[in-house]
Amino acid sequence: MEVPSVSGQFITLFPAGRISLQRPNKVRAELGGDAPPFDFYYDGTSVSAIAPHTKVFSTLKAPSTIDEMLSGLQQETGIRFPSAPILNSDPYGVLARGLLSAVVVGPCKVNGVECDHLAFRSPGVNWEIWIDAGRSAVPRRLAITITDRPNFPRSIVEFSAWNLHPWLLNSSFVFHPPTGFKEIPFKAVLKASDR
């Protein structure tokens, strides 16, 4: 993931995370790695973000489906999550909106897994996806370059440890503010997570 520094230079970070999803209306993400820790909860009625190291959080009312929540959150806050298209119920439909061109790059390996590498261009975005060539046909890597922003920021997301039939508790998607944490505006929680 490339993020702008105060000097304007883009800095490359390698965050790591775990995403749990239950259709039609539950998402939990725990992010860390190179990026400061950041947790995200969506329970079908509200969306919450927490930056544990700065002891801040925010909660907003949210639409009743993952698709509507992701779209609404981007419109309301301007926040884009690099893996959002894959979380959508129709990932290809989201990624192919306004498709200008598509190319089959060819077979390759991602972390030892045989994949088909595809590249696409849409207005304002170039993207590539590496799809597992085996029976599961799950995405193994997604690269997105935003071509309508200065310096063309780029995000690369690698997916591993897919579990298409997880056992998840409803309570794991519900956010409970920890004692001593301060509620702030939603977008400010992400800024509080910045380096």
C-alpha atoms as a PDB file:
ATOM      1  CA  MET A   1       0.000   0.000   0.000  1.00  0.00           C
ATOM      2  CA  GLU A   2       1.321   3.442  -0.882  1.00  0.00           C
ATOM      3  CA  VAL A   3       0.437   6.341   1.404  1.00  0.00           C
ATOM      4  CA  PRO A   4       1.429  10.000   1.063  1.00  0.00           C
ATOM      5  CA  SER A   5       3.893  11.324   3.626  1.00  0.00           C
ATOM      6  CA  VAL A   6       3.873  14.925   4.899  1.00  0.00           C
ATOM      7  CA  SER A   7       6.500  15.754   2.243  1.00  0.00           C
ATOM      8  CA  GLY A   8       4.173  14.499  -0.508  1.00  0.00           C
ATOM      9  CA  GLN A   9       6.336  11.459  -1.271  1.00  0.00           C
ATOM     10  CA  PHE A  10       4.476   8.148  -1.364  1.00  0.00           C
ATOM     11  CA  ILE A  11       5.730   5.650   1.192  1.00  0.00           C
ATOM     12  CA  THR A  12       5.213   1.910   0.656  1.00  0.00           C
ATOM     13  CA  LEU A  13       3.802   0.021   3.632  1.00  0.00           C
ATOM     14  CA  PHE A  14       3.104  -3.690   3.933  1.00  0.00           C
ATOM     15  CA  PRO A  15       0.140  -4.027   6.270  1.00  0.00           C
ATOM     16  CA  ALA A  16      -1.169  -7.441   7.235  1.00  0.00           C
ATOM     17  CA  GLY A  17      -4.675  -8.319   8.242  1.00  0.00           C
ATOM     18  CA  ARG A  18      -7.405 -10.813   8.784  1.00  0.00           C
ATOM     19  CA  ILE A  19     -10.901 -10.345   7.414  1.00  0.00           C
ATOM     20  CA  SER A  20     -13.961 -12.313   8.486  1.00  0.00           C
ATOM     21  CA  LEU A  21     -17.106 -11.911   6.417  1.00  0.00           C
ATOM     22  CA  GLN A  22     -20.592 -13.333   6.744  1.00  0.00           C
ATOM     23  CA  ARG A  23     -23.100 -12.437   4.041  1.00  0.00           C
ATOM     24  CA  PRO A  24     -25.201 -10.418   3.772  1.00  0.00           C
ATOM     25  CA  ASN A  25     -24.275  -8.072   6.603  1.00  0.00           C
ATOM     26  CA  LYS A  26     -21.237  -8.803   8.761  1.00  0.00           C
ATOM     27  CA  VAL A  27     -17.543  -7.888   8.414  1.00  0.00           C
ATOM     28  CA  ARG A  28     -14.679  -7.822  10.888  1.00  0.00           C
ATOM     29  CA  ALA A  29     -11.168  -6.736   9.930  1.00  0.00           C
ATOM     30  CA  GLU A  30      -8.059  -6.660  12.081  1.00  0.00           C
ATOM     31  CA  LEU A  31      -5.185  -4.794  10.453  1.00  0.00           C
ATOM     32  CA  GLY A  32      -1.562  -4.350  11.470  1.00  0.00           C
ATOM     33  CA  GLY A  33       1.835  -5.261  10.039  1.00  0.00           C
ATOM     34  CA  ASP A  34       3.691  -2.167   8.780  1.00  0.00           C
ATOM     35  CA  ALA A  35       0.584  -0.093   9.370  1.00  0.00           C
ATOM     36  CA  PRO A  36      -0.525   0.930  12.854  1.00  0.00           C
ATOM     37  CA  PRO A  37      -3.167  -1.409  14.326  1.00  0.00           C
ATOM     38  CA  PHE A  38      -6.704  -0.719  13.161  1.00  0.00           C
ATOM     39  CA  ASP A  39      -9.856  -2.776  13.694  1.00  0.00           C
ATOM     40  CA  PHE A  40     -13.108  -2.521  11.760  1.00  0.00           C
ATOM     41  CA  TYR A  41     -16.528  -3.906  12.687  1.00  0.00           C
ATOM     42  CA  TYR A  42     -19.786  -4.057  10.735  1.00  0.00           C
ATOM     43  CA  ASP A  43     -22.804  -5.796  12.254  1.00  0.00           C
ATOM     44  CA  GLY A  44     -25.558  -4.964   9.752  1.00  0.00           C
ATOM     45  CA  THR A  45     -26.679  -1.788  11.525  1.00  0.00           C
ATOM     46  CA  SER A  46     -23.503   0.103  12.363  1.00  0.00           C
ATOM     47  CA  VAL A  47     -19.889   0.316  11.298  1.00  0.00           C
ATOM     48  CA  SER A  48     -17.130   0.977  13.833  1.00  0.00           C
ATOM     49  CA  ALA A  49     -13.431   1.690  13.559  1.00  0.00           C
ATOM     50  CA  ILE A  50     -10.925   1.591  16.388  1.00  0.00           C
ATOM     51  CA  ALA A  51      -7.263   2.595  16.594  1.00  0.00           C
ATOM     52  CA  PRO A  52      -6.165   0.699  19.742  1.00  0.00           C
ATOM     53  CA  HIS A  53      -2.739   2.325  20.088  1.00  0.00           C
ATOM     54  CA  THR A  54      -4.251   5.850  20.224  1.00  0.00           C
ATOM     55  CA  LYS A  55      -7.348   4.788  22.218  1.00  0.00           C
ATOM     56  CA  VAL A  56      -9.896   6.290  19.826  1.00  0.00           C
ATOM     57  CA  PHE A  57     -12.919   4.874  18.004  1.00  0.00           C
ATOM     58  CA  SER A  58     -15.893   5.908  15.927  1.00  0.00           C
ATOM     59  CA  THR A  59     -19.267   4.394  15.107  1.00  0.00           C
ATOM     60  CA  LEU A  60     -21.680   5.313  12.304  1.00  0.00           C
ATOM     61  CA  LYS A  61     -25.119   4.021  11.382  1.00  0.00           C
ATOM     62  CA  ALA A  62     -24.801   1.798   8.321  1.00  0.00           C
ATOM     63  CA  PRO A  63     -27.013   0.271   5.620  1.00  0.00           C
ATOM     64  CA  SER A  64     -28.150  -3.339   5.977  1.00  0.00           C
ATOM     65  CA  THR A  65     -25.798  -5.067   3.486  1.00  0.00           C
ATOM     66  CA  ILE A  66     -22.040  -5.253   3.006  1.00  0.00           C
ATOM     67  CA  ASP A  67     -22.326  -3.878  -0.546  1.00  0.00           C
ATOM     68  CA  GLU A  68     -24.355  -0.833   0.556  1.00  0.00           C
ATOM     69  CA  MET A  69     -22.114  -0.277   3.589  1.00  0.00           C
ATOM     70  CA  LEU A  70     -18.893  -0.248   1.538  1.00  0.00           C
ATOM     71  CA  SER A  71     -20.368   2.124  -1.036  1.00  0.00           C
ATOM     72  CA  GLY A  72     -21.942   4.381   1.609  1.00  0.00           C
ATOM     73  CA  LEU A  73     -18.780   4.522   3.713  1.00  0.00           C
ATOM     74  CA  GLN A  74     -16.724   5.595   0.695  1.00  0.00           C
ATOM     75  CA  GLN A  75     -19.274   8.273  -0.245  1.00  0.00           C
ATOM     76  CA  GLU A  76     -19.670   9.586   3.315  1.00  0.00           C
ATOM     77  CA  THR A  77     -16.024   9.556   4.402  1.00  0.00           C
ATOM     78  CA  GLY A  78     -13.965   9.291   1.201  1.00  0.00           C
ATOM     79  CA  ILE A  79     -12.282   6.199   2.626  1.00  0.00           C
ATOM     80  CA  ARG A  80     -11.321   3.491   0.116  1.00  0.00           C
ATOM     81  CA  PHE A  81     -10.375   0.045   1.296  1.00  0.00           C
ATOM     82  CA  PRO A  82      -8.113  -1.730  -1.232  1.00  0.00           C
ATOM     83  CA  SER A  83      -9.820  -5.091  -0.689  1.00  0.00           C
ATOM     84  CA  ALA A  84     -13.371  -3.652  -0.867  1.00  0.00           C
ATOM     85  CA  PRO A  85     -14.122  -4.951  -4.396  1.00  0.00           C
ATOM     86  CA  ILE A  86     -13.384  -8.515  -3.264  1.00  0.00           C
ATOM     87  CA  LEU A  87     -15.727  -8.122  -0.268  1.00  0.00           C
ATOM     88  CA  ASN A  88     -18.598  -7.125  -2.548  1.00  0.00           C
ATOM     89  CA  SER A  89     -21.181  -9.800  -3.444  1.00  0.00           C
ATOM     90  CA  ASP A  90     -20.304  -9.248  -7.142  1.00  0.00           C
ATOM     91  CA  PRO A  91     -16.547  -8.506  -7.188  1.00  0.00           C
ATOM     92  CA  TYR A  92     -16.248  -8.720 -10.962  1.00  0.00           C
ATOM     93  CA  GLY A  93     -19.219  -6.375 -11.456  1.00  0.00           C
ATOM     94  CA  VAL A  94     -17.598  -3.760  -9.215  1.00  0.00           C
ATOM     95  CA  LEU A  95     -14.143  -4.102 -10.750  1.00  0.00           C
ATOM     96  CA  ALA A  96     -15.396  -4.221 -14.355  1.00  0.00           C
ATOM     97  CA  ARG A  97     -17.652  -1.163 -14.107  1.00  0.00           C
ATOM     98  CA  GLY A  98     -16.880   0.960 -17.189  1.00  0.00           C
ATOM     99  CA  LEU A  99     -14.258  -1.539 -18.358  1.00  0.00           C
ATOM    100  CA  LEU A 100     -12.057  -0.104 -21.139  1.00  0.00           C
ATOM    101  CA  SER A 101      -9.768  -3.072 -21.765  1.00  0.00           C
ATOM    102  CA  ALA A 102      -8.855  -6.504 -20.443  1.00  0.00           C
ATOM    103  CA  VAL A 103      -5.789  -8.665 -21.029  1.00  0.00           C
ATOM    104  CA  VAL A 104      -4.967 -12.235 -20.064  1.00  0.00           C
ATOM    105  CA  VAL A 105      -1.367 -11.823 -18.919  1.00  0.00           C
ATOM    106  CA  GLY A 106      -0.963 -15.564 -18.468  1.00  0.00           C
ATOM    107  CA  PRO A 107      -0.211 -18.275 -15.937  1.00  0.00           C
ATOM    108  CA  CYS A 108       2.061 -17.565 -12.970  1.00  0.00           C
ATOM    109  CA  LYS A 109       2.547 -18.467  -9.319  1.00  0.00           C
ATOM    110  CA  VAL A 110       1.607 -16.449  -6.240  1.00  0.00           C
ATOM    111  CA  ASN A 111       3.281 -17.806  -3.115  1.00  0.00           C
ATOM    112  CA  GLY A 112       3.656 -21.192  -4.812  1.00  0.00           C
ATOM    113  CA  VAL A 113       0.022 -21.374  -6.006  1.00  0.00           C
ATOM    114  CA  GLU A 114      -0.666 -21.686  -9.757  1.00  0.00           C
ATOM    115  CA  CYS A 115      -2.700 -18.657 -10.850  1.00  0.00           C
ATOM    116  CA  ASP A 116      -4.132 -16.938 -13.904  1.00  0.00           C
ATOM    117  CA  HIS A 117      -2.954 -13.317 -14.114  1.00  0.00           C
ATOM    118  CA  LEU A 118      -5.442 -10.843 -15.642  1.00  0.00           C
ATOM    119  CA  ALA A 119      -5.105  -7.070 -16.185  1.00  0.00           C
ATOM    120  CA  PHE A 120      -7.888  -4.516 -16.673  1.00  0.00           C
ATOM    121  CA  ARG A 121      -8.344  -0.790 -17.297  1.00  0.00           C
ATOM    122  CA  SER A 122     -11.384   1.211 -16.192  1.00  0.00           C
ATOM    123  CA  PRO A 123     -11.901   4.985 -15.922  1.00  0.00           C
ATOM    124  CA  GLY A 124      -9.634   6.241 -13.130  1.00  0.00           C
ATOM    125  CA  VAL A 125      -8.243   2.838 -12.221  1.00  0.00           C
ATOM    126  CA  ASN A 126      -5.992   0.105 -13.589  1.00  0.00           C
ATOM    127  CA  TRP A 127      -6.211  -3.214 -11.825  1.00  0.00           C
ATOM    128  CA  GLU A 128      -4.754  -6.680 -11.976  1.00  0.00           C
ATOM    129  CA  ILE A 129      -5.962  -9.846 -10.347  1.00  0.00           C
ATOM    130  CA  TRP A 130      -4.330 -13.239  -9.869  1.00  0.00           C
ATOM    131  CA  ILE A 131      -6.945 -16.008  -9.606  1.00  0.00           C
ATOM    132  CA  ASP A 132      -6.134 -19.447  -8.185  1.00  0.00           C
ATOM    133  CA  ALA A 133      -6.090 -21.787 -11.207  1.00  0.00           C
ATOM    134  CA  GLY A 134      -7.292 -24.700  -9.053  1.00  0.00           C
ATOM    135  CA  ARG A 135     -10.815 -25.715  -8.093  1.00  0.00           C
ATOM    136  CA  SER A 136     -11.299 -22.915  -5.560  1.00  0.00           C
ATOM    137  CA  ALA A 137     -10.710 -20.101  -8.111  1.00  0.00           C
ATOM    138  CA  VAL A 138     -10.261 -17.561  -5.293  1.00  0.00           C
ATOM    139  CA  PRO A 139      -8.250 -14.354  -5.729  1.00  0.00           C
ATOM    140  CA  ARG A 140      -4.647 -14.663  -4.528  1.00  0.00           C
ATOM    141  CA  ARG A 141      -3.500 -11.104  -5.307  1.00  0.00           C
ATOM    142  CA  LEU A 142      -5.141  -7.825  -6.313  1.00  0.00           C
ATOM    143  CA  ALA A 143      -3.221  -4.750  -7.506  1.00  0.00           C
ATOM    144  CA  ILE A 144      -5.040  -1.440  -7.951  1.00  0.00           C
ATOM    145  CA  THR A 145      -3.542   1.778  -9.350  1.00  0.00           C
ATOM    146  CA  ILE A 146      -5.682   4.906  -9.032  1.00  0.00           C
ATOM    147  CA  THR A 147      -4.939   6.781 -12.265  1.00  0.00           C
ATOM    148  CA  ASP A 148      -7.068   9.856 -11.570  1.00  0.00           C
ATOM    149  CA  ARG A 149      -5.122  10.913  -8.451  1.00  0.00           C
ATOM    150  CA  PRO A 150      -1.736  12.631  -8.263  1.00  0.00           C
ATOM    151  CA  ASN A 151       1.241  10.241  -8.239  1.00  0.00           C
ATOM    152  CA  PHE A 152      -1.040   7.282  -9.143  1.00  0.00           C
ATOM    153  CA  PRO A 153      -1.243   5.628  -5.688  1.00  0.00           C
ATOM    154  CA  ARG A 154      -1.090   1.843  -5.808  1.00  0.00           C
ATOM    155  CA  SER A 155      -2.269  -0.881  -3.458  1.00  0.00           C
ATOM    156  CA  ILE A 156      -1.391  -4.540  -3.653  1.00  0.00           C
ATOM    157  CA  VAL A 157      -3.358  -7.011  -1.554  1.00  0.00           C
ATOM    158  CA  GLU A 158      -2.362 -10.654  -1.203  1.00  0.00           C
ATOM    159  CA  PHE A 159      -4.948 -13.144  -0.002  1.00  0.00           C
ATOM    160  CA  SER A 160      -4.031 -16.356   1.788  1.00  0.00           C
ATOM    161  CA  ALA A 161      -5.580 -18.864   4.180  1.00  0.00           C
ATOM    162  CA  TRP A 162      -8.999 -18.737   2.511  1.00  0.00           C
ATOM    163  CA  ASN A 163     -11.720 -20.464   4.536  1.00  0.00           C
ATOM    164  CA  LEU A 164     -14.933 -20.479   2.519  1.00  0.00           C
ATOM    165  CA  HIS A 165     -16.928 -22.286   5.224  1.00  0.00           C
ATOM    166  CA  PRO A 166     -15.861 -20.715   8.534  1.00  0.00           C
ATOM    167  CA  TRP A 167     -17.625 -21.069  11.846  1.00  0.00           C
ATOM    168  CA  LEU A 168     -18.168 -17.491  13.034  1.00  0.00           C
ATOM    169  CA  LEU A 169     -19.972 -16.148  16.078  1.00  0.00           C
ATOM    170  CA  ASN A 170     -22.337 -13.199  15.512  1.00  0.00           C
ATOM    171  CA  SER A 171     -20.791 -11.539  18.574  1.00  0.00           C
ATOM    172  CA  SER A 172     -17.396 -11.275  16.836  1.00  0.00           C
ATOM    173  CA  PHE A 173     -18.860  -8.640  14.488  1.00  0.00           C
ATOM    174  CA  VAL A 174     -20.284  -6.442  17.266  1.00  0.00           C
ATOM    175  CA  PHE A 175     -18.155  -3.573  18.558  1.00  0.00           C
ATOM    176  CA  HIS A 176     -18.082  -2.734  22.263  1.00  0.00           C
ATOM    177  CA  PRO A 177     -16.073   0.439  23.026  1.00  0.00           C
ATOM    178  CA  PRO A 178     -13.273  -0.338  25.470  1.00  0.00           C
ATOM    179  CA  THR A 179     -13.178   1.592  28.727  1.00  0.00           C
ATOM    180  CA  GLY A 180     -11.002   4.696  28.486  1.00  0.00           C
ATOM    181  CA  PHE A 181     -11.304   5.075  24.700  1.00  0.00           C
ATOM    182  CA  LYS A 182     -12.525   8.375  23.209  1.00  0.00           C
ATOM    183  CA  GLU A 183     -15.125   8.614  20.417  1.00  0.00           C
ATOM    184  CA  ILE A 184     -14.068  10.883  17.527  1.00  0.00           C
ATOM    185  CA  PRO A 185     -15.284  11.455  13.918  1.00  0.00           C
ATOM    186  CA  PHE A 186     -14.920   8.386  11.700  1.00  0.00           C
ATOM    187  CA  LYS A 187     -12.316   9.749   9.291  1.00  0.00           C
ATOM    188  CA  ALA A 188     -10.254  11.012  12.241  1.00  0.00           C
ATOM    189  CA  VAL A 189      -9.885   7.433  13.516  1.00  0.00           C
ATOM    190  CA  LEU A 190      -8.001   6.563  10.329  1.00  0.00           C
ATOM    191  CA  LYS A 191      -5.814   9.656  10.702  1.00  0.00           C
ATOM    192  CA  ALA A 192      -5.126   8.551  14.285  1.00  0.00           C
ATOM    193  CA  SER A 193      -3.844   5.295  12.775  1.00  0.00           C
ATOM    194  CA  ASP A 194      -1.408   7.114  10.461  1.00  0.00           C
ATOM    195  CA  ARG A 195       2.286   7.137  11.113  1.00  0.00           C
END
